[in-house]
N, C-alpha and C. Protein backbone atom coordinates (compact mmCIF):
# COMPACT_ATOMS: atom_id res chain seq x y z
N MET A 1 0.77 -1.09 -0.08
CA MET A 1 0.00 0.19 0.03
C MET A 1 1.35 1.34 0.08
N GLY A 2 0.42 2.03 -0.79
CA GLY A 2 1.42 3.35 -0.73
C GLY A 2 0.98 4.64 -0.06
N THR A 3 1.76 5.18 0.27
CA THR A 3 0.92 6.55 1.05
C THR A 3 0.78 8.05 0.16
N LEU A 4 -0.06 9.19 0.31
CA LEU A 4 0.08 10.53 -0.16
C LEU A 4 0.69 11.33 1.19
N SER A 5 0.53 12.26 0.77
CA SER A 5 0.89 13.27 1.69
C SER A 5 -0.12 14.57 1.51
N ILE A 6 -0.84 14.83 2.50
CA ILE A 6 -2.18 16.11 2.44
C ILE A 6 -0.99 18.08 2.69
N THR A 7 -1.69 18.24 1.43
CA THR A 7 -1.02 19.85 1.63
C THR A 7 -1.43 20.37 2.68
N ALA A 8 -1.32 21.61 3.03
CA ALA A 8 -1.81 22.95 3.79
C ALA A 8 -3.75 22.88 3.62
N LYS A 9 -3.58 23.22 2.43
CA LYS A 9 -4.84 23.38 2.17
C LYS A 9 -5.98 21.77 1.65
N GLY A 10 -5.39 21.00 2.08
CA GLY A 10 -6.18 19.65 2.45
C GLY A 10 -6.02 18.92 0.89
N GLN A 11 -5.08 19.64 0.00
CA GLN A 11 -5.34 18.95 -1.28
C GLN A 11 -4.28 17.31 -1.05
N VAL A 12 -4.43 16.30 -2.04
CA VAL A 12 -3.60 15.53 -2.30
C VAL A 12 -3.24 15.51 -4.26
N THR A 13 -1.99 14.94 -4.55
CA THR A 13 -1.80 14.58 -5.42
C THR A 13 -1.21 13.18 -5.71
N LEU A 14 -2.28 12.76 -6.92
CA LEU A 14 -1.93 11.40 -6.98
C LEU A 14 -0.65 11.44 -7.96
N LYS A 15 0.37 10.17 -7.50
CA LYS A 15 1.42 9.97 -8.60
C LYS A 15 0.93 9.39 -9.68
N ARG A 16 1.94 9.82 -10.73
CA ARG A 16 1.73 9.14 -12.08
C ARG A 16 1.04 7.81 -12.22
N ASP A 17 1.75 6.12 -11.63
CA ASP A 17 1.40 5.09 -11.61
C ASP A 17 -0.03 5.39 -11.41
N LEU A 18 -0.54 5.71 -10.18
CA LEU A 18 -2.05 5.92 -9.78
C LEU A 18 -2.83 6.57 -10.86
N LEU A 19 -2.31 7.84 -12.00
CA LEU A 19 -3.22 8.27 -12.35
C LEU A 19 -2.90 7.52 -13.84
N GLN A 20 -1.89 6.55 -13.86
CA GLN A 20 -2.17 5.68 -15.33
C GLN A 20 -2.75 4.23 -14.90
N HIS A 21 -2.62 3.75 -13.74
CA HIS A 21 -3.80 2.72 -13.27
C HIS A 21 -5.31 3.23 -13.67
N LEU A 22 -5.45 4.39 -13.32
CA LEU A 22 -6.65 4.77 -13.21
C LEU A 22 -7.42 5.36 -15.20
N GLY A 23 -6.08 5.58 -16.03
CA GLY A 23 -6.51 5.87 -17.29
C GLY A 23 -6.62 7.25 -17.29
N LEU A 24 -5.92 8.04 -16.15
CA LEU A 24 -6.48 9.42 -16.67
C LEU A 24 -5.69 10.32 -17.19
N ALA A 25 -6.06 11.46 -17.43
CA ALA A 25 -4.65 12.48 -18.42
C ALA A 25 -5.23 13.61 -17.35
N PRO A 26 -4.18 14.83 -17.64
CA PRO A 26 -4.43 15.89 -17.42
C PRO A 26 -6.19 16.50 -17.65
N GLY A 27 -6.78 17.19 -16.72
CA GLY A 27 -7.98 17.95 -17.01
C GLY A 27 -9.26 16.57 -16.52
N GLN A 28 -9.29 15.30 -16.78
CA GLN A 28 -9.89 14.66 -16.52
C GLN A 28 -10.47 14.30 -14.87
N LYS A 29 -11.80 14.10 -14.71
CA LYS A 29 -12.02 14.20 -13.39
C LYS A 29 -12.31 12.37 -13.45
N VAL A 30 -12.26 12.21 -11.38
CA VAL A 30 -12.33 11.20 -10.78
C VAL A 30 -14.32 11.31 -9.92
N GLU A 31 -14.12 10.21 -9.79
CA GLU A 31 -15.21 9.90 -8.84
C GLU A 31 -15.01 9.31 -7.93
N PHE A 32 -15.59 9.41 -6.44
CA PHE A 32 -15.31 8.69 -5.05
C PHE A 32 -16.42 8.33 -4.18
N ASP A 33 -16.68 7.66 -3.80
CA ASP A 33 -17.69 6.62 -3.01
C ASP A 33 -16.82 6.87 -1.43
N LYS A 34 -17.49 7.18 -0.73
CA LYS A 34 -17.51 7.37 0.54
C LYS A 34 -17.78 6.01 1.31
N LEU A 35 -17.25 5.05 1.84
CA LEU A 35 -17.33 3.76 2.76
C LEU A 35 -16.90 3.89 3.99
N PRO A 36 -17.69 2.61 4.54
CA PRO A 36 -17.74 2.86 5.87
C PRO A 36 -16.00 2.52 6.59
N ASN A 37 -15.68 3.25 7.57
CA ASN A 37 -14.52 2.57 8.69
C ASN A 37 -13.17 3.72 7.52
N GLY A 38 -13.89 5.17 7.47
CA GLY A 38 -13.08 6.32 6.43
C GLY A 38 -12.12 5.55 5.44
N GLU A 39 -13.03 4.35 4.40
CA GLU A 39 -12.17 4.20 3.13
C GLU A 39 -12.87 5.14 2.10
N ILE A 40 -12.45 5.24 1.00
CA ILE A 40 -12.88 6.04 -0.24
C ILE A 40 -12.62 5.01 -1.40
N ARG A 41 -13.35 4.76 -2.12
CA ARG A 41 -13.39 4.31 -3.51
C ARG A 41 -13.43 5.26 -4.57
N MET A 42 -12.25 5.17 -5.71
CA MET A 42 -12.30 5.93 -6.27
C MET A 42 -12.10 5.55 -7.89
N ARG A 43 -12.69 6.07 -9.14
CA ARG A 43 -12.53 6.02 -10.25
C ARG A 43 -12.64 6.83 -11.31
N ALA A 44 -11.85 6.62 -12.55
CA ALA A 44 -11.79 7.76 -13.51
C ALA A 44 -13.81 8.03 -13.82
N ALA A 45 -13.84 9.18 -13.72
CA ALA A 45 -15.54 9.35 -14.27
C ALA A 45 -15.83 9.31 -15.84
N GLN A 46 -16.82 9.17 -15.96
CA GLN A 46 -17.48 8.21 -17.10
C GLN A 46 -17.30 9.56 -18.17
N ALA A 47 -17.16 9.60 -19.07
CA ALA A 47 -17.66 10.80 -20.00
C ALA A 47 -19.31 10.92 -20.08
N GLU A 48 -19.54 12.13 -20.53
CA GLU A 48 -21.17 11.99 -20.19
C GLU A 48 -21.36 11.80 -21.76
N GLY A 49 -22.88 11.74 -21.94
CA GLY A 49 -22.90 11.25 -23.71
C GLY A 49 -22.37 10.11 -24.26
N SER A 50 -22.89 9.73 -25.50
CA SER A 50 -22.38 7.98 -26.04
C SER A 50 -22.04 8.79 -27.45
N ILE A 51 -21.06 7.94 -28.08
CA ILE A 51 -20.61 8.29 -29.18
C ILE A 51 -21.69 7.98 -30.51
N GLU A 52 -22.93 7.04 -30.01
CA GLU A 52 -24.13 6.85 -30.81
C GLU A 52 -25.13 8.44 -30.54
N ASN A 53 -24.86 8.84 -29.60
CA ASN A 53 -25.35 10.29 -29.93
C ASN A 53 -25.26 11.17 -30.62
N PHE A 54 -23.64 11.00 -30.40
CA PHE A 54 -22.56 11.86 -31.25
C PHE A 54 -23.12 11.92 -32.28
N ILE A 55 -23.14 10.89 -32.93
CA ILE A 55 -22.89 10.11 -34.60
C ILE A 55 -24.32 10.72 -34.94
N GLY A 56 -25.49 10.33 -34.04
CA GLY A 56 -26.69 10.59 -34.43
C GLY A 56 -27.01 12.12 -34.77
N ARG A 57 -26.54 12.88 -33.67
CA ARG A 57 -27.01 13.91 -34.18
C ARG A 57 -26.44 14.68 -35.19
N HIS A 58 -25.23 14.30 -36.17
CA HIS A 58 -24.66 15.14 -36.80
C HIS A 58 -25.04 14.64 -38.35
N ALA A 59 -25.27 12.83 -38.26
CA ALA A 59 -25.71 12.00 -39.17
C ALA A 59 -26.61 12.61 -39.85
N GLY A 60 -26.11 12.86 -41.61
CA GLY A 60 -26.81 13.41 -42.95
C GLY A 60 -26.92 15.07 -43.24
N LYS A 61 -26.49 15.73 -41.78
CA LYS A 61 -26.45 17.65 -41.67
C LYS A 61 -25.60 17.73 -42.92
N ALA A 62 -23.93 17.17 -43.28
CA ALA A 62 -23.50 17.63 -44.47
C ALA A 62 -24.13 17.30 -45.46
N GLU A 63 -23.69 18.47 -46.63
CA GLU A 63 -24.02 18.05 -48.18
C GLU A 63 -22.95 18.14 -49.23
N LYS A 64 -21.74 18.73 -48.45
CA LYS A 64 -20.62 18.84 -48.45
C LYS A 64 -19.56 17.92 -48.41
N PRO A 65 -18.73 17.09 -48.42
CA PRO A 65 -17.41 16.26 -47.63
C PRO A 65 -16.89 17.91 -46.40
N LEU A 66 -16.79 17.27 -45.20
CA LEU A 66 -16.54 18.43 -44.20
C LEU A 66 -14.91 18.59 -44.61
N THR A 67 -14.73 19.59 -43.82
CA THR A 67 -13.06 19.89 -43.48
C THR A 67 -12.81 19.31 -41.96
N LEU A 68 -11.30 19.25 -42.12
CA LEU A 68 -10.88 18.70 -40.93
C LEU A 68 -11.04 19.38 -39.95
N GLU A 69 -11.01 20.98 -39.78
CA GLU A 69 -11.19 21.49 -39.04
C GLU A 69 -12.79 21.90 -38.70
N GLU A 70 -13.94 21.78 -39.45
CA GLU A 70 -15.13 21.51 -39.45
C GLU A 70 -15.69 19.93 -38.19
N ILE A 71 -14.75 19.01 -38.87
CA ILE A 71 -15.39 17.51 -38.10
C ILE A 71 -14.17 18.15 -36.65
N ASN A 72 -13.66 18.72 -36.52
CA ASN A 72 -12.81 18.71 -34.73
C ASN A 72 -14.02 19.96 -34.08
N GLU A 73 -14.70 20.96 -34.99
CA GLU A 73 -15.80 21.56 -34.30
C GLU A 73 -16.76 20.85 -33.95
N ILE A 74 -17.30 19.96 -34.92
CA ILE A 74 -18.84 19.33 -34.71
C ILE A 74 -18.11 18.34 -33.22
N ALA A 75 -17.30 17.72 -33.38
CA ALA A 75 -16.59 16.95 -32.34
C ALA A 75 -16.38 17.31 -30.89
N ALA A 76 -15.94 18.86 -31.02
CA ALA A 76 -15.85 19.34 -29.48
C ALA A 76 -17.38 19.86 -28.86
N SER A 77 -17.98 20.33 -29.95
CA SER A 77 -19.42 20.93 -29.20
C SER A 77 -20.25 19.53 -28.98
N GLY A 78 -19.93 18.45 -29.81
CA GLY A 78 -20.72 17.16 -29.56
C GLY A 78 -19.99 16.70 -28.25
N TRP A 79 -18.99 16.48 -27.96
CA TRP A 79 -18.65 16.10 -26.68
C TRP A 79 -18.81 17.27 -25.40
N ALA A 80 -18.82 18.32 -25.52
CA ALA A 80 -19.40 19.31 -24.71
C ALA A 80 -20.74 19.68 -24.86
N GLY A 81 -21.11 18.67 -24.95
CA GLY A 81 -22.84 18.60 -24.70
C GLY A 81 -23.61 19.61 -25.42
N GLN A 82 -22.86 20.54 -26.31
CA GLN A 82 -24.03 21.41 -27.14
C GLN A 82 -23.93 20.81 -28.67
N GLU A 83 -25.61 21.21 -28.97
CA GLU A 83 -25.87 21.22 -29.88
C GLU A 83 -25.82 22.14 -31.00
């Protein structure tokens, strides 16, 4: 079992091997559950939405081939929950 230090602000920094184990990258979120006896269960937060919703929302809207920039813009807005 590893240990982590708590800062004066009450923050904990997860070490690289823990982040890799959780499959987390900078900017992603974690979810946790408080368990009995002072234990916590932590896991990577699941992204909201689904690829099916994303594809379905934009299917058939393009009359001409999209540029890479247009595809990136659609992808960014779709995963951000925008329409």
